[in-house]
Amino acid sequence: MYTYFTCCVNADGDSIQDMIDVASDIEASTFFRHVSRMDVYDILGGGGVYSRKFPIIKDWHVRYHKSKYQGKPCYYVVWSCIEFVFIKG
């Protein structure tokens, strides 16, 4: 599984831009095969925004990507215009 590493607010801007430049859009189902949904909910404030009636995958504002962060494979989710980066291990 990929675990949370950083977000664009806390990271080096050049590293984030490099990651975005080589990113591929992916489906939510692909993203969540590699990243724990509970980890994402915890990072977004305990998951209070989402529920069974409104799961994160139904939120059309959220985008999912596969890329490289500082040369390491990563997945990242864009939520509220913030990139949340997950790397292996």
PDB file of N, CA and C in Angstrom:
ATOM      1  N   MET A   1       0.838  -1.195   0.000  1.00  0.00           N
ATOM      2  CA  MET A   1       0.000   0.000   0.000  1.00  0.00           C
ATOM      3  C   MET A   1       0.878   1.253   0.000  1.00  0.00           C
ATOM      4  N   TYR A   2       0.311   2.287  -0.531  1.00  0.00           N
ATOM      5  CA  TYR A   2       0.957   3.591  -0.525  1.00  0.00           C
ATOM      6  C   TYR A   2       0.444   4.362   0.691  1.00  0.00           C
ATOM      7  N   THR A   3       1.332   5.063   1.364  1.00  0.00           N
ATOM      8  CA  THR A   3       0.955   5.798   2.571  1.00  0.00           C
ATOM      9  C   THR A   3       1.191   7.292   2.373  1.00  0.00           C
ATOM     10  N   TYR A   4       0.488   8.070   3.158  1.00  0.00           N
ATOM     11  CA  TYR A   4       0.585   9.527   3.054  1.00  0.00           C
ATOM     12  C   TYR A   4       2.010   9.983   3.327  1.00  0.00           C
ATOM     13  N   PHE A   5       2.497  10.886   2.469  1.00  0.00           N
ATOM     14  CA  PHE A   5       3.846  11.407   2.610  1.00  0.00           C
ATOM     15  C   PHE A   5       3.855  12.915   2.854  1.00  0.00           C
ATOM     16  N   THR A   6       3.138  13.665   2.024  1.00  0.00           N
ATOM     17  CA  THR A   6       3.116  15.125   2.159  1.00  0.00           C
ATOM     18  C   THR A   6       1.954  15.688   1.355  1.00  0.00           C
ATOM     19  N   CYS A   7       1.785  16.991   1.467  1.00  0.00           N
ATOM     20  CA  CYS A   7       0.833  17.698   0.613  1.00  0.00           C
ATOM     21  C   CYS A   7       1.538  18.923   0.043  1.00  0.00           C
ATOM     22  N   CYS A   8       0.939  19.532  -0.943  1.00  0.00           N
ATOM     23  CA  CYS A   8       1.590  20.655  -1.620  1.00  0.00           C
ATOM     24  C   CYS A   8       1.858  21.829  -0.689  1.00  0.00           C
ATOM     25  N   VAL A   9       1.069  21.973   0.353  1.00  0.00           N
ATOM     26  CA  VAL A   9       1.254  23.076   1.302  1.00  0.00           C
ATOM     27  C   VAL A   9       2.560  22.914   2.073  1.00  0.00           C
ATOM     28  N   ASN A  10       2.957  21.674   2.349  1.00  0.00           N
ATOM     29  CA  ASN A  10       4.149  21.392   3.154  1.00  0.00           C
ATOM     30  C   ASN A  10       5.367  21.000   2.335  1.00  0.00           C
ATOM     31  N   ALA A  11       5.210  20.864   1.030  1.00  0.00           N
ATOM     32  CA  ALA A  11       6.275  20.331   0.181  1.00  0.00           C
ATOM     33  C   ALA A  11       6.975  21.436  -0.607  1.00  0.00           C
ATOM     34  N   ASP A  12       8.095  21.057  -1.192  1.00  0.00           N
ATOM     35  CA  ASP A  12       8.833  21.924  -2.100  1.00  0.00           C
ATOM     36  C   ASP A  12       7.997  22.123  -3.371  1.00  0.00           C
ATOM     37  N   GLY A  13       7.766  23.357  -3.733  1.00  0.00           N
ATOM     38  CA  GLY A  13       6.924  23.670  -4.885  1.00  0.00           C
ATOM     39  C   GLY A  13       7.418  23.074  -6.183  1.00  0.00           C
ATOM     40  N   ASP A  14       8.736  23.046  -6.391  1.00  0.00           N
ATOM     41  CA  ASP A  14       9.287  22.464  -7.617  1.00  0.00           C
ATOM     42  C   ASP A  14       9.003  20.967  -7.689  1.00  0.00           C
ATOM     43  N   SER A  15       9.096  20.274  -6.564  1.00  0.00           N
ATOM     44  CA  SER A  15       8.821  18.833  -6.548  1.00  0.00           C
ATOM     45  C   SER A  15       7.361  18.555  -6.879  1.00  0.00           C
ATOM     46  N   ILE A  16       6.478  19.370  -6.345  1.00  0.00           N
ATOM     47  CA  ILE A  16       5.056  19.211  -6.642  1.00  0.00           C
ATOM     48  C   ILE A  16       4.790  19.502  -8.115  1.00  0.00           C
ATOM     49  N   GLN A  17       5.359  20.561  -8.641  1.00  0.00           N
ATOM     50  CA  GLN A  17       5.139  20.896 -10.052  1.00  0.00           C
ATOM     51  C   GLN A  17       5.680  19.809 -10.973  1.00  0.00           C
ATOM     52  N   ASP A  18       6.862  19.268 -10.652  1.00  0.00           N
ATOM     53  CA  ASP A  18       7.417  18.167 -11.437  1.00  0.00           C
ATOM     54  C   ASP A  18       6.484  16.960 -11.410  1.00  0.00           C
ATOM     55  N   MET A  19       5.904  16.672 -10.251  1.00  0.00           N
ATOM     56  CA  MET A  19       4.971  15.557 -10.107  1.00  0.00           C
ATOM     57  C   MET A  19       3.739  15.786 -10.986  1.00  0.00           C
ATOM     58  N   ILE A  20       3.199  16.986 -10.949  1.00  0.00           N
ATOM     59  CA  ILE A  20       2.010  17.321 -11.735  1.00  0.00           C
ATOM     60  C   ILE A  20       2.301  17.224 -13.233  1.00  0.00           C
ATOM     61  N   ASP A  21       3.488  17.666 -13.623  1.00  0.00           N
ATOM     62  CA  ASP A  21       3.848  17.690 -15.045  1.00  0.00           C
ATOM     63  C   ASP A  21       3.865  16.303 -15.687  1.00  0.00           C
ATOM     64  N   VAL A  22       4.176  15.259 -14.916  1.00  0.00           N
ATOM     65  CA  VAL A  22       4.257  13.904 -15.484  1.00  0.00           C
ATOM     66  C   VAL A  22       3.092  13.006 -15.038  1.00  0.00           C
ATOM     67  N   ALA A  23       2.077  13.587 -14.421  1.00  0.00           N
ATOM     68  CA  ALA A  23       0.968  12.807 -13.863  1.00  0.00           C
ATOM     69  C   ALA A  23       0.029  12.276 -14.937  1.00  0.00           C
ATOM     70  N   SER A  24      -0.594  11.164 -14.601  1.00  0.00           N
ATOM     71  CA  SER A  24      -1.669  10.588 -15.402  1.00  0.00           C
ATOM     72  C   SER A  24      -2.940  10.602 -14.567  1.00  0.00           C
ATOM     73  N   ASP A  25      -4.050  10.965 -15.183  1.00  0.00           N
ATOM     74  CA  ASP A  25      -5.341  10.878 -14.509  1.00  0.00           C
ATOM     75  C   ASP A  25      -5.707   9.407 -14.370  1.00  0.00           C
ATOM     76  N   ILE A  26      -6.276   9.055 -13.226  1.00  0.00           N
ATOM     77  CA  ILE A  26      -6.742   7.679 -13.005  1.00  0.00           C
ATOM     78  C   ILE A  26      -8.134   7.724 -12.382  1.00  0.00           C
ATOM     79  N   GLU A  27      -8.789   6.592 -12.402  1.00  0.00           N
ATOM     80  CA  GLU A  27     -10.103   6.462 -11.777  1.00  0.00           C
ATOM     81  C   GLU A  27      -9.952   6.304 -10.264  1.00  0.00           C
ATOM     82  N   ALA A  28     -10.986   6.664  -9.547  1.00  0.00           N
ATOM     83  CA  ALA A  28     -10.984   6.507  -8.089  1.00  0.00           C
ATOM     84  C   ALA A  28     -10.751   5.055  -7.695  1.00  0.00           C
ATOM     85  N   SER A  29     -11.343   4.129  -8.426  1.00  0.00           N
ATOM     86  CA  SER A  29     -11.182   2.707  -8.092  1.00  0.00           C
ATOM     87  C   SER A  29      -9.723   2.280  -8.185  1.00  0.00           C
ATOM     88  N   THR A  30      -8.998   2.786  -9.162  1.00  0.00           N
ATOM     89  CA  THR A  30      -7.566   2.488  -9.286  1.00  0.00           C
ATOM     90  C   THR A  30      -6.799   3.086  -8.122  1.00  0.00           C
ATOM     91  N   PHE A  31      -7.088   4.345  -7.801  1.00  0.00           N
ATOM     92  CA  PHE A  31      -6.424   5.014  -6.689  1.00  0.00           C
ATOM     93  C   PHE A  31      -6.612   4.221  -5.394  1.00  0.00           C
ATOM     94  N   PHE A  32      -7.856   3.813  -5.117  1.00  0.00           N
ATOM     95  CA  PHE A  32      -8.139   3.146  -3.844  1.00  0.00           C
ATOM     96  C   PHE A  32      -7.708   1.681  -3.810  1.00  0.00           C
ATOM     97  N   ARG A  33      -7.237   1.133  -4.912  1.00  0.00           N
ATOM     98  CA  ARG A  33      -6.587  -0.179  -4.875  1.00  0.00           C
ATOM     99  C   ARG A  33      -5.184  -0.057  -4.277  1.00  0.00           C
ATOM    100  N   HIS A  34      -4.637   1.150  -4.306  1.00  0.00           N
ATOM    101  CA  HIS A  34      -3.267   1.375  -3.843  1.00  0.00           C
ATOM    102  C   HIS A  34      -3.175   2.212  -2.567  1.00  0.00           C
ATOM    103  N   VAL A  35      -4.224   2.956  -2.266  1.00  0.00           N
ATOM    104  CA  VAL A  35      -4.241   3.856  -1.105  1.00  0.00           C
ATOM    105  C   VAL A  35      -5.479   3.526  -0.265  1.00  0.00           C
ATOM    106  N   SER A  36      -5.282   3.426   1.045  1.00  0.00           N
ATOM    107  CA  SER A  36      -6.390   3.125   1.953  1.00  0.00           C
ATOM    108  C   SER A  36      -7.387   4.280   2.010  1.00  0.00           C
ATOM    109  N   ARG A  37      -8.632   3.957   1.800  1.00  0.00           N
ATOM    110  CA  ARG A  37      -9.695   4.960   1.889  1.00  0.00           C
ATOM    111  C   ARG A  37      -9.734   5.586   3.281  1.00  0.00           C
ATOM    112  N   MET A  38      -9.477   4.782   4.308  1.00  0.00           N
ATOM    113  CA  MET A  38      -9.497   5.311   5.677  1.00  0.00           C
ATOM    114  C   MET A  38      -8.356   6.299   5.895  1.00  0.00           C
ATOM    115  N   ASP A  39      -7.189   6.043   5.305  1.00  0.00           N
ATOM    116  CA  ASP A  39      -6.076   7.001   5.404  1.00  0.00           C
ATOM    117  C   ASP A  39      -6.464   8.336   4.783  1.00  0.00           C
ATOM    118  N   VAL A  40      -7.110   8.273   3.627  1.00  0.00           N
ATOM    119  CA  VAL A  40      -7.536   9.507   2.958  1.00  0.00           C
ATOM    120  C   VAL A  40      -8.558  10.234   3.816  1.00  0.00           C
ATOM    121  N   TYR A  41      -9.534   9.517   4.356  1.00  0.00           N
ATOM    122  CA  TYR A  41     -10.552  10.147   5.210  1.00  0.00           C
ATOM    123  C   TYR A  41      -9.910  10.794   6.433  1.00  0.00           C
ATOM    124  N   ASP A  42      -8.923  10.112   7.044  1.00  0.00           N
ATOM    125  CA  ASP A  42      -8.239  10.678   8.218  1.00  0.00           C
ATOM    126  C   ASP A  42      -7.533  11.985   7.864  1.00  0.00           C
ATOM    127  N   ILE A  43      -6.868  12.009   6.726  1.00  0.00           N
ATOM    128  CA  ILE A  43      -6.150  13.211   6.300  1.00  0.00           C
ATOM    129  C   ILE A  43      -7.110  14.360   6.022  1.00  0.00           C
ATOM    130  N   LEU A  44      -8.291  14.037   5.526  1.00  0.00           N
ATOM    131  CA  LEU A  44      -9.275  15.071   5.189  1.00  0.00           C
ATOM    132  C   LEU A  44     -10.140  15.461   6.381  1.00  0.00           C
ATOM    133  N   GLY A  45      -9.709  15.129   7.572  1.00  0.00           N
ATOM    134  CA  GLY A  45     -10.428  15.577   8.766  1.00  0.00           C
ATOM    135  C   GLY A  45     -11.344  14.551   9.368  1.00  0.00           C
ATOM    136  N   GLY A  46     -10.951  13.300   9.322  1.00  0.00           N
ATOM    137  CA  GLY A  46     -11.735  12.260   9.964  1.00  0.00           C
ATOM    138  C   GLY A  46     -12.883  11.741   9.129  1.00  0.00           C
ATOM    139  N   GLY A  47     -12.969  12.143   7.890  1.00  0.00           N
ATOM    140  CA  GLY A  47     -14.012  11.619   7.009  1.00  0.00           C
ATOM    141  C   GLY A  47     -15.383  12.186   7.258  1.00  0.00           C
ATOM    142  N   GLY A  48     -15.489  13.242   8.069  1.00  0.00           N
ATOM    143  CA  GLY A  48     -16.797  13.812   8.377  1.00  0.00           C
ATOM    144  C   GLY A  48     -17.530  14.367   7.171  1.00  0.00           C
ATOM    145  N   VAL A  49     -16.795  14.671   6.114  1.00  0.00           N
ATOM    146  CA  VAL A  49     -17.403  15.210   4.903  1.00  0.00           C
ATOM    147  C   VAL A  49     -18.147  14.120   4.149  1.00  0.00           C
ATOM    148  N   TYR A  50     -17.657  12.895   4.230  1.00  0.00           N
ATOM    149  CA  TYR A  50     -18.184  11.799   3.421  1.00  0.00           C
ATOM    150  C   TYR A  50     -18.907  10.780   4.285  1.00  0.00           C
ATOM    151  N   SER A  51     -19.842  10.072   3.663  1.00  0.00           N
ATOM    152  CA  SER A  51     -20.625   9.057   4.351  1.00  0.00           C
ATOM    153  C   SER A  51     -21.057   8.011   3.329  1.00  0.00           C
ATOM    154  N   ARG A  52     -21.828   7.029   3.767  1.00  0.00           N
ATOM    155  CA  ARG A  52     -22.361   6.034   2.831  1.00  0.00           C
ATOM    156  C   ARG A  52     -23.284   6.689   1.800  1.00  0.00           C
ATOM    157  N   LYS A  53     -23.985   7.723   2.215  1.00  0.00           N
ATOM    158  CA  LYS A  53     -24.884   8.427   1.290  1.00  0.00           C
ATOM    159  C   LYS A  53     -24.106   9.314   0.322  1.00  0.00           C
ATOM    160  N   PHE A  54     -22.927   9.776   0.738  1.00  0.00           N
ATOM    161  CA  PHE A  54     -22.093  10.614  -0.117  1.00  0.00           C
ATOM    162  C   PHE A  54     -20.631  10.192   0.030  1.00  0.00           C
ATOM    163  N   PRO A  55     -20.249   9.085  -0.648  1.00  0.00           N
ATOM    164  CA  PRO A  55     -18.860   8.637  -0.578  1.00  0.00           C
ATOM    165  C   PRO A  55     -17.947   9.553  -1.388  1.00  0.00           C
ATOM    166  N   ILE A  56     -16.675   9.531  -1.058  1.00  0.00           N
ATOM    167  CA  ILE A  56     -15.714  10.397  -1.730  1.00  0.00           C
ATOM    168  C   ILE A  56     -15.701  10.167  -3.246  1.00  0.00           C
ATOM    169  N   ILE A  57     -15.946   8.937  -3.671  1.00  0.00           N
ATOM    170  CA  ILE A  57     -15.898   8.658  -5.110  1.00  0.00           C
ATOM    171  C   ILE A  57     -17.045   9.334  -5.875  1.00  0.00           C
ATOM    172  N   LYS A  58     -18.052   9.814  -5.172  1.00  0.00           N
ATOM    173  CA  LYS A  58     -19.154  10.544  -5.815  1.00  0.00           C
ATOM    174  C   LYS A  58     -18.907  12.053  -5.864  1.00  0.00           C
ATOM    175  N   ASP A  59     -17.838  12.508  -5.223  1.00  0.00           N
ATOM    176  CA  ASP A  59     -17.517  13.934  -5.195  1.00  0.00           C
ATOM    177  C   ASP A  59     -16.774  14.298  -6.473  1.00  0.00           C
ATOM    178  N   TRP A  60     -17.432  14.972  -7.379  1.00  0.00           N
ATOM    179  CA  TRP A  60     -16.846  15.270  -8.685  1.00  0.00           C
ATOM    180  C   TRP A  60     -15.756  16.334  -8.612  1.00  0.00           C
ATOM    181  N   HIS A  61     -15.556  16.934  -7.449  1.00  0.00           N
ATOM    182  CA  HIS A  61     -14.470  17.903  -7.281  1.00  0.00           C
ATOM    183  C   HIS A  61     -13.131  17.234  -6.981  1.00  0.00           C
ATOM    184  N   VAL A  62     -13.152  15.982  -6.582  1.00  0.00           N
ATOM    185  CA  VAL A  62     -11.939  15.254  -6.214  1.00  0.00           C
ATOM    186  C   VAL A  62     -11.366  14.587  -7.468  1.00  0.00           C
ATOM    187  N   ARG A  63     -10.025  14.711  -7.628  1.00  0.00           N
ATOM    188  CA  ARG A  63      -9.364  14.108  -8.787  1.00  0.00           C
ATOM    189  C   ARG A  63      -8.231  13.195  -8.304  1.00  0.00           C
ATOM    190  N   TYR A  64      -7.963  12.164  -9.077  1.00  0.00           N
ATOM    191  CA  TYR A  64      -6.998  11.128  -8.697  1.00  0.00           C
ATOM    192  C   TYR A  64      -5.927  11.010  -9.779  1.00  0.00           C
ATOM    193  N   HIS A  65      -4.670  10.805  -9.344  1.00  0.00           N
ATOM    194  CA  HIS A  65      -3.561  10.778 -10.292  1.00  0.00           C
ATOM    195  C   HIS A  65      -2.497   9.773  -9.865  1.00  0.00           C
ATOM    196  N   LYS A  66      -1.748   9.310 -10.869  1.00  0.00           N
ATOM    197  CA  LYS A  66      -0.561   8.495 -10.655  1.00  0.00           C
ATOM    198  C   LYS A  66       0.609   9.289 -11.225  1.00  0.00           C
ATOM    199  N   SER A  67       1.752   9.272 -10.516  1.00  0.00           N
ATOM    200  CA  SER A  67       2.867  10.074 -10.977  1.00  0.00           C
ATOM    201  C   SER A  67       4.166   9.609 -10.311  1.00  0.00           C
ATOM    202  N   LYS A  68       5.132  10.520 -10.269  1.00  0.00           N
ATOM    203  CA  LYS A  68       6.387  10.312  -9.534  1.00  0.00           C
ATOM    204  C   LYS A  68       6.639  11.563  -8.709  1.00  0.00           C
ATOM    205  N   TYR A  69       7.000  11.341  -7.447  1.00  0.00           N
ATOM    206  CA  TYR A  69       7.353  12.444  -6.554  1.00  0.00           C
ATOM    207  C   TYR A  69       8.805  12.269  -6.174  1.00  0.00           C
ATOM    208  N   GLN A  70       9.636  13.207  -6.565  1.00  0.00           N
ATOM    209  CA  GLN A  70      11.085  13.152  -6.323  1.00  0.00           C
ATOM    210  C   GLN A  70      11.663  11.814  -6.798  1.00  0.00           C
ATOM    211  N   GLY A  71      11.200  11.369  -7.959  1.00  0.00           N
ATOM    212  CA  GLY A  71      11.693  10.139  -8.573  1.00  0.00           C
ATOM    213  C   GLY A  71      11.049   8.858  -8.080  1.00  0.00           C
ATOM    214  N   LYS A  72      10.180   8.945  -7.067  1.00  0.00           N
ATOM    215  CA  LYS A  72       9.527   7.758  -6.509  1.00  0.00           C
ATOM    216  C   LYS A  72       8.099   7.666  -7.039  1.00  0.00           C
ATOM    217  N   PRO A  73       7.654   6.449  -7.400  1.00  0.00           N
ATOM    218  CA  PRO A  73       6.260   6.300  -7.833  1.00  0.00           C
ATOM    219  C   PRO A  73       5.319   6.782  -6.731  1.00  0.00           C
ATOM    220  N   CYS A  74       4.261   7.446  -7.126  1.00  0.00           N
ATOM    221  CA  CYS A  74       3.296   7.938  -6.145  1.00  0.00           C
ATOM    222  C   CYS A  74       1.903   7.968  -6.744  1.00  0.00           C
ATOM    223  N   TYR A  75       0.949   8.066  -5.863  1.00  0.00           N
ATOM    224  CA  TYR A  75      -0.430   8.378  -6.206  1.00  0.00           C
ATOM    225  C   TYR A  75      -0.760   9.641  -5.439  1.00  0.00           C
ATOM    226  N   TYR A  76      -1.584  10.487  -6.031  1.00  0.00           N
ATOM    227  CA  TYR A  76      -2.017  11.650  -5.279  1.00  0.00           C
ATOM    228  C   TYR A  76      -3.459  11.987  -5.613  1.00  0.00           C
ATOM    229  N   VAL A  77      -4.090  12.581  -4.630  1.00  0.00           N
ATOM    230  CA  VAL A  77      -5.474  13.010  -4.761  1.00  0.00           C
ATOM    231  C   VAL A  77      -5.488  14.527  -4.632  1.00  0.00           C
ATOM    232  N   VAL A  78      -6.302  15.164  -5.472  1.00  0.00           N
ATOM    233  CA  VAL A  78      -6.464  16.615  -5.387  1.00  0.00           C
ATOM    234  C   VAL A  78      -7.825  16.866  -4.756  1.00  0.00           C
ATOM    235  N   TRP A  79      -7.783  17.509  -3.604  1.00  0.00           N
ATOM    236  CA  TRP A  79      -8.991  17.795  -2.833  1.00  0.00           C
ATOM    237  C   TRP A  79      -8.885  19.236  -2.360  1.00  0.00           C
ATOM    238  N   SER A  80      -9.863  20.034  -2.676  1.00  0.00           N
ATOM    239  CA  SER A  80      -9.869  21.444  -2.298  1.00  0.00           C
ATOM    240  C   SER A  80      -8.607  22.159  -2.802  1.00  0.00           C
ATOM    241  N   CYS A  81      -8.208  21.812  -4.019  1.00  0.00           N
ATOM    242  CA  CYS A  81      -7.026  22.392  -4.690  1.00  0.00           C
ATOM    243  C   CYS A  81      -5.716  22.107  -3.972  1.00  0.00           C
ATOM    244  N   ILE A  82      -5.697  21.056  -3.167  1.00  0.00           N
ATOM    245  CA  ILE A  82      -4.480  20.634  -2.475  1.00  0.00           C
ATOM    246  C   ILE A  82      -4.136  19.224  -2.943  1.00  0.00           C
ATOM    247  N   GLU A  83      -2.878  19.020  -3.328  1.00  0.00           N
ATOM    248  CA  GLU A  83      -2.405  17.705  -3.720  1.00  0.00           C
ATOM    249  C   GLU A  83      -1.913  16.964  -2.475  1.00  0.00           C
ATOM    250  N   PHE A  84      -2.512  15.798  -2.199  1.00  0.00           N
ATOM    251  CA  PHE A  84      -2.100  14.952  -1.096  1.00  0.00           C
ATOM    252  C   PHE A  84      -1.371  13.762  -1.697  1.00  0.00           C
ATOM    253  N   VAL A  85      -0.083  13.614  -1.361  1.00  0.00           N
ATOM    254  CA  VAL A  85       0.822  12.673  -2.024  1.00  0.00           C
ATOM    255  C   VAL A  85       1.010  11.415  -1.160  1.00  0.00           C
ATOM    256  N   PHE A  86       0.907  10.254  -1.812  1.00  0.00           N
ATOM    257  CA  PHE A  86       1.089   8.959  -1.166  1.00  0.00           C
ATOM    258  C   PHE A  86       2.205   8.215  -1.890  1.00  0.00           C
ATOM    259  N   ILE A  87       3.194   7.708  -1.123  1.00  0.00           N
ATOM    260  CA  ILE A  87       4.282   6.937  -1.706  1.00  0.00           C
ATOM    261  C   ILE A  87       4.310   5.549  -1.072  1.00  0.00           C
ATOM    262  N   LYS A  88       4.990   4.621  -1.726  1.00  0.00           N
ATOM    263  CA  LYS A  88       5.039   3.239  -1.257  1.00  0.00           C
ATOM    264  C   LYS A  88       5.846   3.134   0.032  1.00  0.00           C
ATOM    265  N   GLY A  89       5.285   2.376   0.981  1.00  0.00           N
ATOM    266  CA  GLY A  89       6.000   2.095   2.226  1.00  0.00           C
ATOM    267  C   GLY A  89       5.904   3.214   3.177  1.00  0.00           C
TER     268      GLY A  89
END
